[in-house]
Structures are given as C-alpha cells and as structure tokens.
Amino acid sequence: MKDILTIIAGLQIDPKLVPNVPTVSGDQGALTDFVNAVFFVAGFMCVLFVILGAFRYVISEGRSENVSQAKGTIFYAVIGLVVISLAFTIVQIIINIAGG
C-alpha cells in the first residue's frame, strides 16, 4: 500500500499539457506544528482535569455523591488522554507516510 501511495505521490503532471492544474505551495511544517499544538493543548487540558478530579476527591469529605463525581472526572480525563494519545499516534503515522 505504501508503495502505491509513493508512486501516486511521485507522479507529476506537466502544466503545459494540462491547463489549470492546481499546485500546493504551502509549508507542511506549519501543518505539523499546528497539529502538535492542538494535541498539546488537548493533553494539557486532560491533565488539568485529572488534577481537578483529584482535588475534588480530596475535598469531598467522604460524601458518596462528591466522591463518585470526582472519580468520574478522573476516569473520563484518563480516557481522554488515551484517546488523544492514540489520535496523535495515528496522525503522526499518516504525516510520516505522506512524507511530511
């Protein structure tokens, strides 16, 4: 599959033969930087929610409702971290395959 994508990506069309061929003249590094920044912010927010859940757990004073809410906050923040990590890995693989 990678060989086929490499061959397709390597094809070049002579603009003299086919008029109005769109070209890409952007910086792929900028896209990679943007994607990394988005994932960094999302991961940072998940870590903040883990800290918030831990703080809520400490100040819950043993009330079962507050404890369950704090555990839920921590649980979903950790799930978010896992999802973000997997998404980041998939995006990096795609960027590397695409040659960025």
N, C-alpha and C. Protein backbone atom coordinates (compact mmCIF):
# COMPACT_ATOMS: atom_id res chain seq x y z
N MET A 1 0.83 -1.19 0.00
CA MET A 1 0.00 0.00 0.00
C MET A 1 0.87 1.25 0.00
N LYS A 2 1.94 1.22 0.80
CA LYS A 2 2.82 2.38 0.86
C LYS A 2 3.50 2.60 -0.48
N ASP A 3 3.86 1.51 -1.17
CA ASP A 3 4.49 1.63 -2.48
C ASP A 3 3.57 2.29 -3.49
N ILE A 4 2.31 1.92 -3.44
CA ILE A 4 1.33 2.51 -4.36
C ILE A 4 1.18 4.00 -4.08
N LEU A 5 1.09 4.36 -2.79
CA LEU A 5 0.97 5.78 -2.43
C LEU A 5 2.21 6.56 -2.83
N THR A 6 3.37 5.95 -2.69
CA THR A 6 4.61 6.61 -3.08
C THR A 6 4.63 6.85 -4.58
N ILE A 7 4.19 5.87 -5.36
CA ILE A 7 4.15 6.03 -6.81
C ILE A 7 3.16 7.12 -7.20
N ILE A 8 1.98 7.11 -6.59
CA ILE A 8 0.97 8.12 -6.90
C ILE A 8 1.47 9.51 -6.51
N ALA A 9 2.11 9.61 -5.34
CA ALA A 9 2.61 10.91 -4.89
C ALA A 9 3.74 11.41 -5.77
N GLY A 10 4.48 10.49 -6.39
CA GLY A 10 5.60 10.87 -7.23
C GLY A 10 5.21 11.28 -8.64
N LEU A 11 3.97 11.03 -9.03
CA LEU A 11 3.52 11.41 -10.36
C LEU A 11 3.50 12.92 -10.50
N GLN A 12 4.00 13.39 -11.59
CA GLN A 12 3.98 14.82 -11.84
C GLN A 12 3.31 15.07 -13.18
N ILE A 13 2.48 16.09 -13.19
CA ILE A 13 1.75 16.43 -14.41
C ILE A 13 2.40 17.68 -15.00
N ASP A 14 2.69 17.61 -16.26
CA ASP A 14 3.27 18.76 -16.95
C ASP A 14 2.19 19.81 -17.12
N PRO A 15 2.36 21.00 -16.53
CA PRO A 15 1.31 22.02 -16.63
C PRO A 15 1.06 22.50 -18.06
N LYS A 16 2.01 22.27 -18.96
CA LYS A 16 1.80 22.67 -20.35
C LYS A 16 0.80 21.75 -21.05
N LEU A 17 0.77 20.48 -20.63
CA LEU A 17 -0.14 19.52 -21.24
C LEU A 17 -1.56 19.64 -20.70
N VAL A 18 -1.68 19.95 -19.41
CA VAL A 18 -3.00 20.06 -18.79
C VAL A 18 -3.10 21.45 -18.15
N PRO A 19 -3.95 22.31 -18.71
CA PRO A 19 -4.06 23.66 -18.16
C PRO A 19 -4.82 23.67 -16.83
N ASN A 20 -4.57 24.69 -16.03
CA ASN A 20 -5.26 24.94 -14.76
C ASN A 20 -5.08 23.80 -13.74
N VAL A 21 -3.88 23.26 -13.66
CA VAL A 21 -3.60 22.23 -12.66
C VAL A 21 -3.30 22.94 -11.34
N PRO A 22 -4.05 22.63 -10.28
CA PRO A 22 -3.77 23.29 -9.00
C PRO A 22 -2.45 22.79 -8.42
N THR A 23 -1.75 23.70 -7.77
CA THR A 23 -0.49 23.34 -7.13
C THR A 23 -0.55 23.70 -5.66
N VAL A 24 0.24 23.01 -4.88
CA VAL A 24 0.32 23.28 -3.44
C VAL A 24 1.67 23.90 -3.16
N SER A 25 1.64 25.07 -2.58
CA SER A 25 2.90 25.74 -2.30
C SER A 25 3.02 26.10 -0.82
N GLY A 26 2.30 25.37 0.04
CA GLY A 26 2.33 25.66 1.46
C GLY A 26 3.48 24.95 2.16
N ASP A 27 3.68 25.32 3.40
CA ASP A 27 4.73 24.73 4.22
C ASP A 27 4.12 23.60 5.04
N GLN A 28 4.54 22.36 4.77
CA GLN A 28 3.99 21.22 5.51
C GLN A 28 4.43 21.24 6.97
N GLY A 29 5.54 21.89 7.26
CA GLY A 29 5.99 22.01 8.63
C GLY A 29 5.00 22.80 9.48
N ALA A 30 4.34 23.78 8.86
CA ALA A 30 3.36 24.58 9.58
C ALA A 30 2.16 23.72 9.99
N LEU A 31 1.74 22.82 9.10
CA LEU A 31 0.64 21.93 9.43
C LEU A 31 1.02 21.00 10.58
N THR A 32 2.21 20.45 10.53
CA THR A 32 2.69 19.57 11.60
C THR A 32 2.76 20.33 12.92
N ASP A 33 3.26 21.56 12.88
CA ASP A 33 3.33 22.37 14.10
C ASP A 33 1.94 22.65 14.66
N PHE A 34 1.00 22.95 13.78
CA PHE A 34 -0.37 23.21 14.22
C PHE A 34 -1.00 21.98 14.87
N VAL A 35 -0.84 20.82 14.22
CA VAL A 35 -1.39 19.58 14.75
C VAL A 35 -0.77 19.27 16.12
N ASN A 36 0.54 19.44 16.23
CA ASN A 36 1.21 19.20 17.51
C ASN A 36 0.71 20.15 18.59
N ALA A 37 0.48 21.40 18.24
CA ALA A 37 -0.02 22.38 19.21
C ALA A 37 -1.42 22.01 19.69
N VAL A 38 -2.27 21.57 18.76
CA VAL A 38 -3.64 21.18 19.13
C VAL A 38 -3.61 19.99 20.09
N PHE A 39 -2.78 19.00 19.78
CA PHE A 39 -2.70 17.83 20.66
C PHE A 39 -2.08 18.20 22.01
N PHE A 40 -1.13 19.12 22.02
CA PHE A 40 -0.54 19.56 23.29
C PHE A 40 -1.59 20.22 24.17
N VAL A 41 -2.38 21.11 23.59
CA VAL A 41 -3.42 21.80 24.37
C VAL A 41 -4.46 20.79 24.89
N ALA A 42 -4.86 19.85 24.04
CA ALA A 42 -5.84 18.84 24.47
C ALA A 42 -5.27 17.98 25.60
N GLY A 43 -4.02 17.56 25.47
CA GLY A 43 -3.40 16.76 26.53
C GLY A 43 -3.24 17.55 27.81
N PHE A 44 -2.87 18.80 27.70
CA PHE A 44 -2.73 19.66 28.88
C PHE A 44 -4.06 19.82 29.60
N MET A 45 -5.14 19.97 28.83
CA MET A 45 -6.47 20.10 29.45
C MET A 45 -6.86 18.81 30.16
N CYS A 46 -6.52 17.67 29.59
CA CYS A 46 -6.82 16.40 30.25
C CYS A 46 -6.08 16.29 31.57
N VAL A 47 -4.81 16.68 31.57
CA VAL A 47 -4.04 16.65 32.82
C VAL A 47 -4.65 17.59 33.85
N LEU A 48 -5.11 18.76 33.41
CA LEU A 48 -5.77 19.68 34.33
C LEU A 48 -7.04 19.06 34.92
N PHE A 49 -7.78 18.32 34.11
CA PHE A 49 -8.99 17.68 34.62
C PHE A 49 -8.66 16.55 35.59
N VAL A 50 -7.55 15.86 35.38
CA VAL A 50 -7.13 14.85 36.36
C VAL A 50 -6.82 15.53 37.68
N ILE A 51 -6.11 16.65 37.63
CA ILE A 51 -5.78 17.39 38.85
C ILE A 51 -7.05 17.91 39.51
N LEU A 52 -7.98 18.44 38.71
CA LEU A 52 -9.25 18.93 39.25
C LEU A 52 -10.02 17.79 39.92
N GLY A 53 -10.08 16.63 39.28
CA GLY A 53 -10.77 15.48 39.88
C GLY A 53 -10.11 15.04 41.16
N ALA A 54 -8.79 15.05 41.20
CA ALA A 54 -8.08 14.69 42.43
C ALA A 54 -8.38 15.69 43.54
N PHE A 55 -8.40 16.96 43.20
CA PHE A 55 -8.73 17.99 44.19
C PHE A 55 -10.16 17.81 44.70
N ARG A 56 -11.09 17.55 43.80
CA ARG A 56 -12.48 17.32 44.21
C ARG A 56 -12.60 16.08 45.08
N TYR A 57 -11.77 15.08 44.80
CA TYR A 57 -11.78 13.85 45.60
C TYR A 57 -11.30 14.13 47.02
N VAL A 58 -10.26 14.95 47.13
CA VAL A 58 -9.70 15.27 48.45
C VAL A 58 -10.68 16.08 49.28
N ILE A 59 -11.38 17.02 48.65
CA ILE A 59 -12.29 17.88 49.42
C ILE A 59 -13.71 17.33 49.49
N SER A 60 -13.92 16.10 49.05
CA SER A 60 -15.28 15.54 49.04
C SER A 60 -15.79 15.20 50.44
N GLU A 61 -14.91 15.12 51.41
CA GLU A 61 -15.27 14.84 52.80
C GLU A 61 -16.02 13.52 52.94
N GLY A 62 -15.77 12.59 52.07
CA GLY A 62 -16.36 11.27 52.18
C GLY A 62 -17.80 11.17 51.70
N ARG A 63 -18.37 12.24 51.21
CA ARG A 63 -19.74 12.18 50.68
C ARG A 63 -19.72 11.36 49.40
N SER A 64 -20.57 10.37 49.37
CA SER A 64 -20.53 9.42 48.25
C SER A 64 -20.81 10.10 46.91
N GLU A 65 -21.70 11.07 46.88
CA GLU A 65 -22.03 11.75 45.63
C GLU A 65 -20.81 12.53 45.12
N ASN A 66 -20.14 13.25 46.01
CA ASN A 66 -18.97 14.03 45.61
C ASN A 66 -17.81 13.12 45.21
N VAL A 67 -17.65 12.00 45.93
CA VAL A 67 -16.58 11.05 45.60
C VAL A 67 -16.82 10.46 44.22
N SER A 68 -18.06 10.08 43.92
CA SER A 68 -18.34 9.48 42.62
C SER A 68 -18.16 10.51 41.49
N GLN A 69 -18.50 11.76 41.73
CA GLN A 69 -18.27 12.80 40.72
C GLN A 69 -16.78 13.00 40.48
N ALA A 70 -16.00 13.00 41.55
CA ALA A 70 -14.55 13.18 41.41
C ALA A 70 -13.94 11.99 40.68
N LYS A 71 -14.36 10.79 41.01
CA LYS A 71 -13.86 9.60 40.31
C LYS A 71 -14.24 9.64 38.83
N GLY A 72 -15.44 10.10 38.54
CA GLY A 72 -15.88 10.22 37.15
C GLY A 72 -15.03 11.21 36.38
N THR A 73 -14.70 12.35 37.03
CA THR A 73 -13.85 13.35 36.38
C THR A 73 -12.49 12.76 36.05
N ILE A 74 -11.91 12.06 37.02
CA ILE A 74 -10.59 11.45 36.79
C ILE A 74 -10.68 10.38 35.71
N PHE A 75 -11.70 9.54 35.78
CA PHE A 75 -11.86 8.45 34.81
C PHE A 75 -11.97 8.98 33.39
N TYR A 76 -12.83 9.96 33.18
CA TYR A 76 -13.03 10.48 31.82
C TYR A 76 -11.83 11.29 31.34
N ALA A 77 -11.11 11.93 32.25
CA ALA A 77 -9.89 12.63 31.85
C ALA A 77 -8.82 11.64 31.39
N VAL A 78 -8.71 10.51 32.08
CA VAL A 78 -7.75 9.49 31.68
C VAL A 78 -8.16 8.87 30.34
N ILE A 79 -9.46 8.62 30.17
CA ILE A 79 -9.95 8.12 28.88
C ILE A 79 -9.61 9.13 27.77
N GLY A 80 -9.79 10.41 28.06
CA GLY A 80 -9.44 11.45 27.09
C GLY A 80 -7.97 11.43 26.74
N LEU A 81 -7.11 11.24 27.74
CA LEU A 81 -5.67 11.14 27.48
C LEU A 81 -5.34 9.96 26.57
N VAL A 82 -5.99 8.84 26.81
CA VAL A 82 -5.76 7.65 25.98
C VAL A 82 -6.20 7.92 24.54
N VAL A 83 -7.38 8.50 24.39
CA VAL A 83 -7.90 8.79 23.04
C VAL A 83 -7.00 9.79 22.32
N ILE A 84 -6.56 10.82 23.03
CA ILE A 84 -5.68 11.83 22.43
C ILE A 84 -4.35 11.20 22.04
N SER A 85 -3.82 10.33 22.89
CA SER A 85 -2.55 9.67 22.56
C SER A 85 -2.68 8.80 21.32
N LEU A 86 -3.77 8.05 21.23
CA LEU A 86 -3.99 7.21 20.05
C LEU A 86 -4.18 8.07 18.80
N ALA A 87 -4.95 9.14 18.91
CA ALA A 87 -5.18 10.02 17.77
C ALA A 87 -3.87 10.67 17.33
N PHE A 88 -3.06 11.10 18.28
CA PHE A 88 -1.77 11.70 17.97
C PHE A 88 -0.88 10.70 17.23
N THR A 89 -0.86 9.47 17.70
CA THR A 89 -0.05 8.43 17.06
C THR A 89 -0.52 8.19 15.63
N ILE A 90 -1.82 8.09 15.43
CA ILE A 90 -2.36 7.85 14.09
C ILE A 90 -2.04 9.02 13.16
N VAL A 91 -2.19 10.24 13.65
CA VAL A 91 -1.90 11.41 12.83
C VAL A 91 -0.42 11.46 12.47
N GLN A 92 0.45 11.15 13.41
CA GLN A 92 1.89 11.16 13.13
C GLN A 92 2.25 10.10 12.09
N ILE A 93 1.63 8.93 12.18
CA ILE A 93 1.88 7.89 11.19
C ILE A 93 1.43 8.35 9.80
N ILE A 94 0.27 8.97 9.72
CA ILE A 94 -0.23 9.47 8.44
C ILE A 94 0.69 10.56 7.88
N ILE A 95 1.15 11.45 8.74
CA ILE A 95 2.05 12.52 8.29
C ILE A 95 3.36 11.92 7.78
N ASN A 96 3.87 10.91 8.49
CA ASN A 96 5.12 10.29 8.05
C ASN A 96 4.95 9.52 6.74
N ILE A 97 3.82 8.86 6.57
CA ILE A 97 3.58 8.15 5.32
C ILE A 97 3.43 9.13 4.17
N ALA A 98 2.77 10.25 4.43
CA ALA A 98 2.56 11.25 3.39
C ALA A 98 3.83 12.01 3.05
N GLY A 99 4.85 11.83 3.87
CA GLY A 99 6.13 12.46 3.56
C GLY A 99 6.29 13.84 4.14
N GLY A 100 5.46 14.17 5.15
CA GLY A 100 5.58 15.49 5.77
C GLY A 100 6.54 15.45 6.86
